[in-house]
Amino acid sequence: MSKQGVRYGAELRKRAEKVDTLRTSLFACPRCGKKKVRRKGNSIWECKACGSVFAGGTYSLSTPAGEVATRQIDEYKKR
């Protein structure tokens, strides 16, 4: 989160560490499938392999609401 970290509270420190690991980890690209997607900025993600840039969640590539919406769109397309 920040360079200083969280001051007080074990639970808050755990949450901040979880967010930091999500923010800095690599994700699989939805376009090419390679695990090369990195966070470029706030909700902006870029694949280093194919160069595609797309929007996602703030700290992770997809949000729970986004996954639900994707699932509903896929079900609608199957009909």
Protein backbone atom coordinates (compact mmCIF):
# COMPACT_ATOMS: atom_id res chain seq x y z
CA MET A 1 0.00 0.00 0.00
CA SER A 2 2.42 2.65 1.15
CA LYS A 3 6.08 2.75 1.99
CA GLN A 4 5.34 3.32 5.67
CA GLY A 5 2.95 0.40 6.13
CA VAL A 6 0.10 0.04 8.57
CA ARG A 7 0.80 1.20 12.09
CA TYR A 8 -1.67 -0.43 14.42
CA GLY A 9 -3.66 -3.64 14.33
CA ALA A 10 -2.69 -7.14 13.29
CA GLU A 11 -5.78 -7.58 11.13
CA LEU A 12 -5.09 -4.35 9.25
CA ARG A 13 -1.48 -5.38 8.65
CA LYS A 14 -2.65 -8.75 7.31
CA ARG A 15 -5.12 -7.07 4.95
CA ALA A 16 -2.49 -4.62 3.72
CA GLU A 17 -0.02 -7.45 3.09
CA LYS A 18 -2.66 -9.41 1.17
CA VAL A 19 -3.39 -6.38 -1.02
CA ASP A 20 0.31 -5.79 -1.64
CA THR A 21 0.90 -9.39 -2.71
CA LEU A 22 -2.11 -9.26 -5.05
CA ARG A 23 -1.02 -5.94 -6.49
CA THR A 24 2.52 -7.07 -7.30
CA SER A 25 1.82 -10.65 -8.44
CA LEU A 26 1.50 -11.89 -12.02
CA PHE A 27 -1.85 -12.94 -13.51
CA ALA A 28 -2.84 -14.97 -16.56
CA CYS A 29 -3.69 -12.91 -19.64
CA PRO A 30 -7.29 -13.33 -20.88
CA ARG A 31 -6.14 -12.80 -24.47
CA CYS A 32 -2.98 -14.93 -24.87
CA GLY A 33 -3.19 -17.09 -21.72
CA LYS A 34 0.38 -16.46 -20.55
CA LYS A 35 1.06 -15.52 -16.94
CA LYS A 36 2.55 -12.12 -17.78
CA VAL A 37 -0.10 -9.59 -16.71
CA ARG A 38 1.10 -6.87 -14.35
CA ARG A 39 -0.60 -3.88 -12.79
CA LYS A 40 0.26 -0.72 -14.69
CA GLY A 41 -1.81 1.73 -12.66
CA ASN A 42 -5.07 2.02 -10.79
CA SER A 43 -7.32 -0.63 -12.43
CA ILE A 44 -5.09 -0.73 -15.53
CA TRP A 45 -3.41 -4.03 -16.40
CA GLU A 46 -0.90 -4.81 -19.15
CA CYS A 47 0.30 -8.12 -20.59
CA LYS A 48 4.05 -8.10 -21.17
CA ALA A 49 3.80 -10.98 -23.68
CA CYS A 50 1.16 -9.74 -26.14
CA GLY A 51 1.06 -6.06 -25.13
CA SER A 52 -2.69 -5.88 -24.54
CA VAL A 53 -3.89 -3.31 -22.02
CA PHE A 54 -7.23 -3.66 -20.27
CA ALA A 55 -9.18 -2.58 -17.22
CA GLY A 56 -9.75 -4.81 -14.23
CA GLY A 57 -9.96 -4.58 -10.49
CA THR A 58 -7.92 -2.11 -8.50
CA TYR A 59 -5.61 -4.62 -6.83
CA SER A 60 -6.44 -7.86 -8.69
CA LEU A 61 -7.15 -8.59 -12.32
CA SER A 62 -10.82 -9.40 -11.74
CA THR A 63 -13.32 -8.55 -9.04
CA PRO A 64 -16.02 -10.86 -7.65
CA ALA A 65 -18.70 -8.69 -9.30
CA GLY A 66 -16.82 -8.84 -12.60
CA GLU A 67 -16.64 -12.64 -12.43
CA VAL A 68 -20.40 -12.84 -11.83
CA ALA A 69 -21.05 -10.54 -14.79
CA THR A 70 -18.75 -12.58 -17.05
CA ARG A 71 -20.49 -15.79 -16.01
CA GLN A 72 -23.92 -14.29 -16.74
CA ILE A 73 -22.79 -13.04 -20.15
CA ASP A 74 -21.44 -16.50 -21.02
CA GLU A 75 -24.73 -18.12 -19.98
CA TYR A 76 -26.68 -15.61 -22.07
CA LYS A 77 -24.51 -16.30 -25.13
CA LYS A 78 -25.09 -20.06 -24.80
CA ARG A 79 -28.86 -19.62 -25.18
